[in-house]
N, C-alpha and C. Protein backbone atom coordinates (compact mmCIF):
# COMPACT_ATOMS: atom_id res chain seq x y z
N MET A 1 -15.44 35.04 46.43
CA MET A 1 -14.78 34.65 45.18
C MET A 1 -15.23 33.26 44.72
N PHE A 2 -15.23 32.31 45.67
CA PHE A 2 -15.63 30.95 45.33
C PHE A 2 -17.10 30.87 44.96
N LYS A 3 -17.92 31.77 45.63
CA LYS A 3 -19.35 31.80 45.32
C LYS A 3 -19.58 32.18 43.86
N HIS A 4 -18.83 33.18 43.42
CA HIS A 4 -18.95 33.62 42.04
C HIS A 4 -18.49 32.52 41.07
N TYR A 5 -17.46 31.81 41.48
CA TYR A 5 -16.91 30.74 40.61
C TYR A 5 -17.94 29.63 40.42
N PHE A 6 -18.51 29.17 41.56
CA PHE A 6 -19.50 28.08 41.49
C PHE A 6 -20.77 28.52 40.78
N LYS A 7 -21.11 29.80 40.96
CA LYS A 7 -22.30 30.33 40.29
C LYS A 7 -22.08 30.34 38.77
N PHE A 8 -20.87 30.76 38.36
CA PHE A 8 -20.54 30.76 36.93
C PHE A 8 -20.51 29.35 36.36
N LYS A 9 -19.92 28.42 37.15
CA LYS A 9 -19.81 27.03 36.71
C LYS A 9 -21.20 26.42 36.53
N LYS A 10 -22.11 26.71 37.49
CA LYS A 10 -23.45 26.16 37.43
C LYS A 10 -24.22 26.73 36.24
N SER A 11 -24.08 28.04 36.03
CA SER A 11 -24.80 28.68 34.92
C SER A 11 -24.27 28.20 33.57
N PHE A 12 -22.96 27.91 33.51
CA PHE A 12 -22.38 27.43 32.26
C PHE A 12 -22.85 26.01 31.94
N LEU A 13 -22.89 25.15 32.99
CA LEU A 13 -23.29 23.76 32.80
C LEU A 13 -24.71 23.64 32.24
N PHE A 14 -25.59 24.55 32.65
CA PHE A 14 -26.98 24.46 32.24
C PHE A 14 -27.34 25.51 31.16
N SER A 15 -26.32 26.06 30.53
CA SER A 15 -26.58 27.06 29.48
C SER A 15 -26.84 26.36 28.14
N PRO A 16 -27.47 27.03 27.19
CA PRO A 16 -27.72 26.46 25.85
C PRO A 16 -26.43 26.08 25.13
N TYR A 17 -25.35 26.84 25.41
CA TYR A 17 -24.08 26.55 24.75
C TYR A 17 -23.58 25.15 25.10
N THR A 18 -23.81 24.76 26.37
CA THR A 18 -23.36 23.44 26.80
C THR A 18 -24.08 22.35 26.03
N PHE A 19 -25.39 22.50 25.86
CA PHE A 19 -26.18 21.49 25.15
C PHE A 19 -25.79 21.44 23.67
N VAL A 20 -25.44 22.60 23.11
CA VAL A 20 -24.99 22.65 21.72
C VAL A 20 -23.67 21.88 21.57
N LEU A 21 -22.74 22.12 22.50
CA LEU A 21 -21.44 21.43 22.46
C LEU A 21 -21.62 19.93 22.61
N ILE A 22 -22.50 19.51 23.53
CA ILE A 22 -22.75 18.08 23.73
C ILE A 22 -23.35 17.47 22.46
N GLY A 23 -24.28 18.22 21.83
CA GLY A 23 -24.89 17.75 20.59
C GLY A 23 -23.88 17.56 19.48
N ILE A 24 -22.96 18.53 19.34
CA ILE A 24 -21.92 18.45 18.31
C ILE A 24 -21.01 17.24 18.56
N PHE A 25 -20.65 17.04 19.83
CA PHE A 25 -19.80 15.91 20.19
C PHE A 25 -20.47 14.58 19.85
N CYS A 26 -21.77 14.45 20.18
CA CYS A 26 -22.50 13.21 19.91
C CYS A 26 -22.60 12.94 18.41
N LEU A 27 -22.89 14.00 17.64
CA LEU A 27 -22.99 13.84 16.18
C LEU A 27 -21.65 13.44 15.58
N SER A 28 -20.57 14.04 16.09
CA SER A 28 -19.23 13.70 15.60
C SER A 28 -18.90 12.25 15.89
N PHE A 29 -19.28 11.79 17.08
CA PHE A 29 -19.00 10.41 17.47
C PHE A 29 -19.77 9.43 16.58
N VAL A 30 -21.04 9.74 16.32
CA VAL A 30 -21.86 8.88 15.46
C VAL A 30 -21.29 8.84 14.05
N TYR A 31 -20.81 10.01 13.56
CA TYR A 31 -20.22 10.08 12.22
C TYR A 31 -18.98 9.18 12.12
N LEU A 32 -18.15 9.23 13.17
CA LEU A 32 -16.94 8.41 13.15
C LEU A 32 -17.28 6.93 13.13
N LEU A 33 -18.35 6.56 13.87
CA LEU A 33 -18.75 5.15 13.90
C LEU A 33 -19.30 4.69 12.56
N ARG A 34 -19.98 5.59 11.86
CA ARG A 34 -20.64 5.21 10.62
C ARG A 34 -19.83 5.57 9.37
N ARG A 35 -18.65 6.13 9.57
CA ARG A 35 -17.83 6.56 8.44
C ARG A 35 -17.41 5.35 7.60
N PRO A 36 -17.52 5.44 6.27
CA PRO A 36 -17.14 4.33 5.41
C PRO A 36 -15.65 4.01 5.57
N THR A 37 -15.33 2.73 5.51
CA THR A 37 -13.93 2.30 5.59
C THR A 37 -13.56 1.56 4.32
N ASN A 38 -12.34 1.08 4.28
CA ASN A 38 -11.88 0.34 3.11
C ASN A 38 -12.22 -1.13 3.18
N ASN A 39 -12.82 -1.56 4.27
CA ASN A 39 -13.14 -2.96 4.42
C ASN A 39 -14.42 -3.29 3.68
N PHE A 40 -14.31 -4.15 2.66
CA PHE A 40 -15.46 -4.56 1.89
C PHE A 40 -15.66 -6.06 2.05
N MET A 41 -16.93 -6.48 2.14
CA MET A 41 -17.25 -7.89 2.24
C MET A 41 -18.04 -8.28 1.00
N HIS A 42 -17.52 -9.25 0.25
CA HIS A 42 -18.18 -9.72 -0.96
C HIS A 42 -18.31 -11.24 -0.88
N ALA A 43 -19.55 -11.71 -0.78
CA ALA A 43 -19.82 -13.16 -0.78
C ALA A 43 -18.92 -13.91 0.19
N GLY A 44 -18.71 -13.33 1.37
CA GLY A 44 -17.91 -14.00 2.38
C GLY A 44 -16.42 -13.72 2.29
N VAL A 45 -16.02 -12.81 1.40
CA VAL A 45 -14.60 -12.47 1.26
C VAL A 45 -14.41 -11.02 1.72
N LYS A 46 -13.57 -10.84 2.72
CA LYS A 46 -13.28 -9.50 3.23
C LYS A 46 -12.06 -8.95 2.49
N ILE A 47 -12.21 -7.76 1.93
CA ILE A 47 -11.13 -7.15 1.16
C ILE A 47 -10.80 -5.77 1.72
N ASP A 48 -9.53 -5.55 1.95
CA ASP A 48 -9.04 -4.24 2.41
C ASP A 48 -7.94 -3.82 1.45
N CYS A 49 -8.01 -2.59 0.97
CA CYS A 49 -7.06 -2.15 -0.05
C CYS A 49 -6.62 -0.73 0.19
N ARG A 50 -5.31 -0.47 0.05
CA ARG A 50 -4.81 0.89 0.22
C ARG A 50 -3.53 1.10 -0.58
N ALA A 51 -3.32 2.35 -0.96
CA ALA A 51 -2.09 2.72 -1.67
C ALA A 51 -1.02 3.06 -0.64
N LEU A 52 0.15 2.49 -0.80
CA LEU A 52 1.25 2.75 0.14
C LEU A 52 1.82 4.14 -0.08
N THR A 53 2.13 4.82 1.02
CA THR A 53 2.75 6.14 0.93
C THR A 53 4.22 5.98 0.54
N GLN A 54 4.87 7.09 0.25
CA GLN A 54 6.30 7.04 -0.11
C GLN A 54 7.12 6.44 1.02
N GLU A 55 6.81 6.84 2.27
CA GLU A 55 7.54 6.32 3.43
C GLU A 55 7.30 4.82 3.60
N GLU A 56 6.05 4.39 3.40
CA GLU A 56 5.72 2.97 3.54
C GLU A 56 6.39 2.14 2.46
N CYS A 57 6.46 2.69 1.25
CA CYS A 57 7.16 1.99 0.16
C CYS A 57 8.62 1.76 0.51
N THR A 58 9.26 2.80 1.02
CA THR A 58 10.67 2.71 1.36
C THR A 58 10.90 1.66 2.45
N GLY A 59 10.04 1.66 3.47
CA GLY A 59 10.19 0.69 4.56
C GLY A 59 9.81 -0.72 4.17
N TYR A 60 8.75 -0.86 3.36
CA TYR A 60 8.18 -2.17 3.04
C TYR A 60 8.86 -2.82 1.84
N LEU A 61 9.26 -1.99 0.85
CA LEU A 61 9.82 -2.53 -0.39
C LEU A 61 11.31 -2.22 -0.56
N GLY A 62 11.83 -1.37 0.32
CA GLY A 62 13.25 -1.02 0.23
C GLY A 62 13.51 0.24 -0.58
N LYS A 63 12.55 0.64 -1.42
CA LYS A 63 12.67 1.86 -2.23
C LYS A 63 11.29 2.45 -2.45
N ASP A 64 11.26 3.74 -2.72
CA ASP A 64 10.01 4.41 -3.03
C ASP A 64 9.73 4.26 -4.52
N VAL A 65 8.86 3.30 -4.88
CA VAL A 65 8.60 3.03 -6.30
C VAL A 65 7.82 4.16 -6.99
N THR A 66 7.20 5.04 -6.19
CA THR A 66 6.50 6.18 -6.81
C THR A 66 7.50 7.09 -7.53
N SER A 67 8.73 7.14 -7.04
CA SER A 67 9.76 7.95 -7.70
C SER A 67 10.13 7.35 -9.06
N GLY A 68 9.81 6.07 -9.24
CA GLY A 68 10.06 5.40 -10.53
C GLY A 68 8.83 5.41 -11.42
N GLY A 69 7.73 6.03 -10.92
CA GLY A 69 6.54 6.16 -11.75
C GLY A 69 5.46 5.12 -11.49
N TYR A 70 5.52 4.45 -10.32
CA TYR A 70 4.54 3.40 -10.02
C TYR A 70 3.91 3.58 -8.64
N LYS A 71 2.64 3.21 -8.55
CA LYS A 71 1.92 3.18 -7.27
C LYS A 71 1.93 1.75 -6.76
N ALA A 72 2.29 1.59 -5.49
CA ALA A 72 2.23 0.27 -4.86
C ALA A 72 0.92 0.17 -4.09
N ILE A 73 0.08 -0.79 -4.46
CA ILE A 73 -1.23 -0.95 -3.83
C ILE A 73 -1.27 -2.28 -3.10
N GLN A 74 -1.50 -2.20 -1.80
CA GLN A 74 -1.55 -3.41 -0.98
C GLN A 74 -3.00 -3.91 -0.89
N ILE A 75 -3.19 -5.20 -1.21
CA ILE A 75 -4.51 -5.82 -1.17
C ILE A 75 -4.49 -6.92 -0.12
N ASN A 76 -5.39 -6.83 0.86
CA ASN A 76 -5.52 -7.84 1.91
C ASN A 76 -6.85 -8.55 1.74
N LEU A 77 -6.82 -9.88 1.71
CA LEU A 77 -8.05 -10.66 1.55
C LEU A 77 -8.19 -11.68 2.67
N LYS A 78 -9.42 -11.88 3.11
CA LYS A 78 -9.73 -12.89 4.13
C LYS A 78 -10.91 -13.71 3.61
N ASN A 79 -10.68 -14.99 3.40
CA ASN A 79 -11.73 -15.88 2.88
C ASN A 79 -12.47 -16.52 4.05
N THR A 80 -13.68 -16.04 4.33
CA THR A 80 -14.46 -16.57 5.46
C THR A 80 -15.45 -17.65 5.00
N THR A 81 -15.36 -18.05 3.72
CA THR A 81 -16.26 -19.07 3.19
C THR A 81 -15.63 -20.46 3.35
N GLN A 82 -16.35 -21.47 2.89
CA GLN A 82 -15.83 -22.83 2.88
C GLN A 82 -15.39 -23.23 1.47
N ARG A 83 -15.19 -22.21 0.63
CA ARG A 83 -14.79 -22.47 -0.75
C ARG A 83 -13.32 -22.16 -0.96
N TYR A 84 -12.72 -22.85 -1.93
CA TYR A 84 -11.35 -22.55 -2.33
C TYR A 84 -11.42 -21.56 -3.49
N LEU A 85 -10.85 -20.39 -3.28
CA LEU A 85 -10.98 -19.30 -4.25
C LEU A 85 -9.64 -19.01 -4.94
N LYS A 86 -9.71 -18.93 -6.25
CA LYS A 86 -8.50 -18.65 -7.04
C LYS A 86 -8.35 -17.15 -7.25
N LEU A 87 -7.14 -16.66 -7.01
CA LEU A 87 -6.83 -15.24 -7.21
C LEU A 87 -5.70 -15.12 -8.22
N SER A 88 -5.89 -14.25 -9.20
CA SER A 88 -4.86 -14.02 -10.22
C SER A 88 -4.68 -12.53 -10.44
N ARG A 89 -3.45 -12.12 -10.67
CA ARG A 89 -3.19 -10.71 -10.94
C ARG A 89 -3.88 -10.25 -12.22
N ASN A 90 -4.08 -11.19 -13.14
CA ASN A 90 -4.73 -10.86 -14.41
C ASN A 90 -6.23 -10.60 -14.23
N ASP A 91 -6.78 -11.00 -13.08
CA ASP A 91 -8.20 -10.79 -12.81
C ASP A 91 -8.46 -9.52 -12.00
N ILE A 92 -7.48 -8.65 -11.98
CA ILE A 92 -7.64 -7.35 -11.31
C ILE A 92 -7.79 -6.28 -12.39
N ASP A 93 -8.84 -5.50 -12.26
CA ASP A 93 -9.18 -4.51 -13.28
C ASP A 93 -8.30 -3.25 -13.14
N LEU A 94 -6.99 -3.47 -13.17
CA LEU A 94 -6.02 -2.38 -13.12
C LEU A 94 -4.87 -2.76 -14.04
N LYS A 95 -4.28 -1.76 -14.67
CA LYS A 95 -3.10 -2.01 -15.49
C LYS A 95 -1.91 -2.16 -14.54
N THR A 96 -1.41 -3.37 -14.39
CA THR A 96 -0.31 -3.61 -13.45
C THR A 96 0.95 -4.04 -14.20
N VAL A 97 2.08 -3.92 -13.51
CA VAL A 97 3.36 -4.39 -14.04
C VAL A 97 3.94 -5.38 -13.05
N SER A 98 4.91 -6.14 -13.50
CA SER A 98 5.54 -7.13 -12.63
C SER A 98 6.43 -6.46 -11.59
N ALA A 99 6.77 -7.21 -10.56
CA ALA A 99 7.67 -6.70 -9.52
C ALA A 99 9.03 -6.35 -10.11
N ASP A 100 9.47 -7.09 -11.13
CA ASP A 100 10.77 -6.82 -11.76
C ASP A 100 10.79 -5.42 -12.39
N VAL A 101 9.70 -5.09 -13.09
CA VAL A 101 9.63 -3.78 -13.76
C VAL A 101 9.62 -2.66 -12.73
N ALA A 102 8.81 -2.83 -11.65
CA ALA A 102 8.73 -1.79 -10.61
C ALA A 102 10.08 -1.61 -9.92
N ALA A 103 10.76 -2.73 -9.63
CA ALA A 103 12.06 -2.66 -8.95
C ALA A 103 13.11 -2.02 -9.83
N GLN A 104 13.10 -2.37 -11.12
CA GLN A 104 14.09 -1.81 -12.05
C GLN A 104 13.92 -0.30 -12.24
N SER A 105 12.69 0.19 -12.02
CA SER A 105 12.44 1.63 -12.19
C SER A 105 13.17 2.47 -11.16
N VAL A 106 13.52 1.84 -10.04
CA VAL A 106 14.24 2.59 -8.99
C VAL A 106 15.64 2.03 -8.76
N ASP A 107 16.11 1.22 -9.70
CA ASP A 107 17.48 0.70 -9.62
C ASP A 107 18.48 1.84 -9.65
N LYS A 108 19.52 1.67 -8.87
CA LYS A 108 20.63 2.61 -8.98
C LYS A 108 21.34 2.30 -10.28
N ASN A 109 21.50 3.29 -11.13
CA ASN A 109 22.06 3.09 -12.45
C ASN A 109 23.57 2.80 -12.35
N ILE A 110 23.89 1.50 -12.43
CA ILE A 110 25.28 1.08 -12.25
C ILE A 110 26.16 1.57 -13.40
N SER A 111 25.64 1.51 -14.63
CA SER A 111 26.46 1.90 -15.79
C SER A 111 26.90 3.35 -15.69
N LYS A 112 25.98 4.22 -15.23
CA LYS A 112 26.34 5.65 -15.08
C LYS A 112 27.40 5.82 -14.01
N ARG A 113 27.25 5.03 -12.94
CA ARG A 113 28.23 5.15 -11.85
C ARG A 113 29.61 4.66 -12.30
N VAL A 114 29.61 3.57 -13.08
CA VAL A 114 30.89 3.04 -13.58
C VAL A 114 31.58 4.07 -14.47
N LEU A 115 30.79 4.69 -15.36
CA LEU A 115 31.37 5.71 -16.23
C LEU A 115 31.83 6.93 -15.43
N GLY A 116 31.01 7.28 -14.42
CA GLY A 116 31.33 8.45 -13.59
C GLY A 116 32.66 8.30 -12.87
N TRP A 117 32.90 7.08 -12.38
CA TRP A 117 34.17 6.85 -11.68
C TRP A 117 35.26 6.33 -12.63
N GLY A 118 34.82 5.57 -13.66
CA GLY A 118 35.79 4.88 -14.52
C GLY A 118 36.65 5.81 -15.34
N ILE A 119 36.04 6.82 -15.95
CA ILE A 119 36.80 7.74 -16.81
C ILE A 119 37.87 8.50 -16.01
N PRO A 120 37.50 9.10 -14.84
CA PRO A 120 38.56 9.78 -14.07
C PRO A 120 39.65 8.82 -13.58
N SER A 121 39.26 7.54 -13.33
CA SER A 121 40.26 6.59 -12.81
C SER A 121 41.32 6.23 -13.85
N LEU A 122 41.04 6.53 -15.14
CA LEU A 122 42.06 6.31 -16.18
C LEU A 122 43.24 7.24 -15.97
N PHE A 123 42.95 8.40 -15.37
CA PHE A 123 44.00 9.38 -15.13
C PHE A 123 44.48 9.35 -13.69
N ILE A 124 43.55 8.95 -12.77
CA ILE A 124 43.92 8.85 -11.35
C ILE A 124 43.56 7.43 -10.89
N PRO A 125 44.50 6.49 -11.01
CA PRO A 125 44.23 5.07 -10.72
C PRO A 125 43.62 4.80 -9.35
N ILE A 126 43.91 5.64 -8.37
CA ILE A 126 43.39 5.39 -7.02
C ILE A 126 41.85 5.48 -6.97
N LEU A 127 41.26 6.15 -7.95
CA LEU A 127 39.81 6.28 -8.01
C LEU A 127 39.12 4.96 -8.37
N LEU A 128 39.91 3.96 -8.76
CA LEU A 128 39.34 2.64 -9.05
C LEU A 128 38.71 2.02 -7.80
N VAL A 129 39.28 2.34 -6.65
CA VAL A 129 38.78 1.76 -5.39
C VAL A 129 37.35 2.21 -5.10
N PRO A 130 37.06 3.52 -5.03
CA PRO A 130 35.67 3.93 -4.80
C PRO A 130 34.74 3.50 -5.93
N ALA A 131 35.29 3.38 -7.16
CA ALA A 131 34.47 2.93 -8.29
C ALA A 131 33.98 1.50 -8.06
N LEU A 132 34.88 0.64 -7.63
CA LEU A 132 34.53 -0.76 -7.36
C LEU A 132 33.56 -0.88 -6.18
N ILE A 133 33.82 -0.10 -5.13
CA ILE A 133 32.96 -0.14 -3.94
C ILE A 133 31.54 0.33 -4.28
N THR A 134 31.45 1.45 -5.00
CA THR A 134 30.15 2.01 -5.39
C THR A 134 29.36 1.04 -6.25
N THR A 135 30.06 0.43 -7.22
CA THR A 135 29.40 -0.53 -8.12
C THR A 135 28.89 -1.74 -7.37
N THR A 136 29.71 -2.26 -6.44
CA THR A 136 29.32 -3.43 -5.66
C THR A 136 28.12 -3.14 -4.77
N LEU A 137 28.15 -1.99 -4.08
CA LEU A 137 27.05 -1.62 -3.18
C LEU A 137 25.76 -1.37 -3.96
N SER A 138 25.86 -0.72 -5.10
CA SER A 138 24.68 -0.45 -5.92
C SER A 138 24.05 -1.74 -6.41
N HIS A 139 24.88 -2.67 -6.84
CA HIS A 139 24.40 -3.97 -7.31
C HIS A 139 23.70 -4.72 -6.18
N ARG A 140 24.27 -4.65 -4.98
CA ARG A 140 23.69 -5.32 -3.82
C ARG A 140 22.34 -4.70 -3.45
N ASP A 141 22.27 -3.37 -3.47
CA ASP A 141 21.01 -2.67 -3.17
C ASP A 141 19.92 -3.02 -4.17
N ASN A 142 20.29 -3.07 -5.44
CA ASN A 142 19.32 -3.40 -6.49
C ASN A 142 18.75 -4.80 -6.29
N LYS A 143 19.62 -5.73 -5.91
CA LYS A 143 19.16 -7.11 -5.68
C LYS A 143 18.22 -7.20 -4.48
N LYS A 144 18.51 -6.42 -3.44
CA LYS A 144 17.66 -6.41 -2.24
C LYS A 144 16.26 -5.87 -2.57
N VAL A 145 16.22 -4.77 -3.32
CA VAL A 145 14.94 -4.16 -3.69
C VAL A 145 14.13 -5.12 -4.56
N LEU A 146 14.79 -5.77 -5.51
CA LEU A 146 14.11 -6.72 -6.39
C LEU A 146 13.53 -7.88 -5.59
N LYS A 147 14.30 -8.39 -4.64
CA LYS A 147 13.83 -9.51 -3.81
C LYS A 147 12.62 -9.10 -2.96
N LYS A 148 12.70 -7.91 -2.36
CA LYS A 148 11.59 -7.43 -1.53
C LYS A 148 10.33 -7.25 -2.37
N CYS A 149 10.47 -6.65 -3.53
CA CYS A 149 9.31 -6.42 -4.41
C CYS A 149 8.68 -7.75 -4.83
N LYS A 150 9.52 -8.72 -5.15
CA LYS A 150 9.01 -10.04 -5.56
C LYS A 150 8.33 -10.76 -4.40
N ASP A 151 8.94 -10.66 -3.21
CA ASP A 151 8.37 -11.34 -2.03
C ASP A 151 7.02 -10.76 -1.64
N LYS A 152 6.86 -9.43 -1.80
CA LYS A 152 5.62 -8.75 -1.37
C LYS A 152 4.56 -8.72 -2.47
N ALA A 153 4.96 -8.99 -3.71
CA ALA A 153 4.03 -8.86 -4.84
C ALA A 153 2.90 -9.88 -4.75
N LEU A 154 1.73 -9.46 -5.21
CA LEU A 154 0.58 -10.35 -5.27
C LEU A 154 0.83 -11.39 -6.35
N SER A 155 0.65 -12.66 -6.01
CA SER A 155 0.90 -13.74 -6.96
C SER A 155 -0.35 -14.59 -7.11
N ASP A 156 -0.43 -15.31 -8.23
CA ASP A 156 -1.56 -16.21 -8.45
C ASP A 156 -1.55 -17.29 -7.38
N ARG A 157 -2.71 -17.53 -6.79
CA ARG A 157 -2.77 -18.54 -5.72
C ARG A 157 -4.21 -18.96 -5.45
N ILE A 158 -4.32 -20.04 -4.68
CA ILE A 158 -5.62 -20.50 -4.20
C ILE A 158 -5.73 -20.13 -2.73
N ILE A 159 -6.79 -19.41 -2.39
CA ILE A 159 -7.01 -19.00 -1.00
C ILE A 159 -7.95 -20.01 -0.35
N ALA A 160 -7.44 -20.74 0.62
CA ALA A 160 -8.21 -21.80 1.29
C ALA A 160 -9.28 -21.20 2.21
N PRO A 161 -10.27 -22.00 2.61
CA PRO A 161 -11.29 -21.52 3.55
C PRO A 161 -10.66 -20.98 4.83
N ASN A 162 -11.16 -19.85 5.29
CA ASN A 162 -10.69 -19.18 6.52
C ASN A 162 -9.22 -18.79 6.46
N ASP A 163 -8.70 -18.68 5.26
CA ASP A 163 -7.30 -18.27 5.10
C ASP A 163 -7.25 -16.79 4.71
N ALA A 164 -6.11 -16.16 4.97
CA ALA A 164 -5.92 -14.75 4.64
C ALA A 164 -4.67 -14.60 3.78
N PHE A 165 -4.67 -13.58 2.97
CA PHE A 165 -3.54 -13.34 2.07
C PHE A 165 -3.37 -11.85 1.84
N SER A 166 -2.11 -11.43 1.72
CA SER A 166 -1.81 -10.02 1.45
C SER A 166 -0.76 -9.94 0.35
N GLY A 167 -0.97 -9.03 -0.59
CA GLY A 167 -0.01 -8.86 -1.67
C GLY A 167 -0.06 -7.46 -2.24
N VAL A 168 1.01 -7.09 -2.93
CA VAL A 168 1.12 -5.75 -3.50
C VAL A 168 1.09 -5.84 -5.02
N VAL A 169 0.33 -4.94 -5.65
CA VAL A 169 0.37 -4.81 -7.11
C VAL A 169 0.96 -3.44 -7.44
N PHE A 170 1.64 -3.38 -8.58
CA PHE A 170 2.31 -2.15 -8.99
C PHE A 170 1.60 -1.58 -10.22
N VAL A 171 1.13 -0.35 -10.10
CA VAL A 171 0.34 0.29 -11.16
C VAL A 171 1.05 1.56 -11.63
N PRO A 172 1.21 1.73 -12.94
CA PRO A 172 1.78 3.00 -13.44
C PRO A 172 0.94 4.17 -12.94
N ILE A 173 1.59 5.21 -12.46
CA ILE A 173 0.87 6.37 -11.91
C ILE A 173 -0.10 6.95 -12.94
N SER A 174 0.27 6.91 -14.21
CA SER A 174 -0.60 7.46 -15.26
C SER A 174 -1.89 6.64 -15.43
N ASP A 175 -1.88 5.38 -14.98
CA ASP A 175 -3.05 4.51 -15.11
C ASP A 175 -3.75 4.26 -13.78
N TYR A 176 -3.33 4.97 -12.75
CA TYR A 176 -3.89 4.74 -11.41
C TYR A 176 -5.33 5.24 -11.33
N LYS A 177 -6.18 4.47 -10.65
CA LYS A 177 -7.55 4.89 -10.34
C LYS A 177 -7.89 4.37 -8.95
N ASP A 178 -8.77 5.09 -8.25
CA ASP A 178 -9.00 4.76 -6.85
C ASP A 178 -10.07 3.69 -6.61
N SER A 179 -10.59 3.11 -7.68
CA SER A 179 -11.51 1.98 -7.51
C SER A 179 -11.34 1.02 -8.69
N PHE A 180 -11.59 -0.23 -8.45
CA PHE A 180 -11.42 -1.24 -9.49
C PHE A 180 -12.20 -2.50 -9.12
N ASN A 181 -12.29 -3.43 -10.06
CA ASN A 181 -12.93 -4.72 -9.82
C ASN A 181 -11.87 -5.80 -9.68
N LEU A 182 -12.09 -6.68 -8.73
CA LEU A 182 -11.22 -7.82 -8.51
C LEU A 182 -12.08 -9.07 -8.63
N VAL A 183 -11.64 -10.05 -9.41
CA VAL A 183 -12.45 -11.25 -9.65
C VAL A 183 -11.80 -12.46 -9.00
N LEU A 184 -12.57 -13.16 -8.18
CA LEU A 184 -12.14 -14.41 -7.57
C LEU A 184 -12.93 -15.54 -8.21
N THR A 185 -12.29 -16.69 -8.39
CA THR A 185 -12.95 -17.83 -9.04
C THR A 185 -13.02 -19.01 -8.09
N ASP A 186 -14.23 -19.54 -7.94
CA ASP A 186 -14.43 -20.74 -7.12
C ASP A 186 -13.75 -21.91 -7.83
N GLN A 187 -12.78 -22.53 -7.17
CA GLN A 187 -11.99 -23.58 -7.80
C GLN A 187 -12.86 -24.78 -8.21
N LYS A 188 -13.91 -25.06 -7.46
CA LYS A 188 -14.74 -26.23 -7.73
C LYS A 188 -15.80 -25.96 -8.79
N THR A 189 -16.54 -24.88 -8.64
CA THR A 189 -17.67 -24.60 -9.54
C THR A 189 -17.30 -23.67 -10.69
N GLN A 190 -16.12 -23.03 -10.60
CA GLN A 190 -15.67 -22.04 -11.59
C GLN A 190 -16.54 -20.78 -11.60
N GLU A 191 -17.34 -20.60 -10.54
CA GLU A 191 -18.13 -19.37 -10.41
C GLU A 191 -17.19 -18.19 -10.21
N ARG A 192 -17.46 -17.10 -10.92
CA ARG A 192 -16.64 -15.90 -10.81
C ARG A 192 -17.32 -14.89 -9.89
N ILE A 193 -16.59 -14.48 -8.85
CA ILE A 193 -17.12 -13.52 -7.88
C ILE A 193 -16.47 -12.16 -8.17
N ILE A 194 -17.28 -11.22 -8.64
CA ILE A 194 -16.76 -9.88 -8.97
C ILE A 194 -16.87 -8.98 -7.75
N CYS A 195 -15.76 -8.48 -7.29
CA CYS A 195 -15.70 -7.65 -6.09
C CYS A 195 -15.31 -6.22 -6.46
N GLY A 196 -16.16 -5.27 -6.16
CA GLY A 196 -15.82 -3.86 -6.36
C GLY A 196 -15.01 -3.36 -5.19
N VAL A 197 -13.85 -2.79 -5.46
CA VAL A 197 -12.92 -2.39 -4.39
C VAL A 197 -12.57 -0.91 -4.53
N LYS A 198 -12.49 -0.22 -3.40
CA LYS A 198 -12.07 1.18 -3.39
C LYS A 198 -10.75 1.29 -2.64
N ILE A 199 -9.82 2.05 -3.19
CA ILE A 199 -8.49 2.22 -2.59
C ILE A 199 -8.50 3.42 -1.65
N ALA A 200 -7.87 3.25 -0.49
CA ALA A 200 -7.77 4.38 0.45
C ALA A 200 -6.75 5.36 -0.05
């Protein structure tokens, strides 16, 4: 029995099928190593860009802004030069909106909740209690989402040498595109560095 097993094992190891499998594995490994990534290097500036998923939006921003009609795109930059580079949201070739607009798109509608509880409470006064609680909690949630969106939003700034920065821009889903140009300006020479970026 063992003789047959070892004979089969030996014949399998040196069969053409084995070499084909090894070849496929090697080609797959090379492909993975050479596969394009989102990391782009432009004139010493490393840029990584990706669109946040619904789950990531909820965890990172407090709400899923895609449900409000906006894509949240995270841009990470690393300045490996010795230059001070200016970054502005207006220099991004995408139609973006402010963090306030994106946050308000997913606000819990307090007025509807007040009316929803308020009218019945005219006839059943005890309903005023859940009405007040709901309104207070909704207002608090809206403020938290707005603060998170503002804190994470990409803002105009100067990126110092060897410094890194990460920020989120909010793009209407109807205007979303998976590639765009981002322009950085050398603070000293005013040279404009145009960076082509692809979103994951």
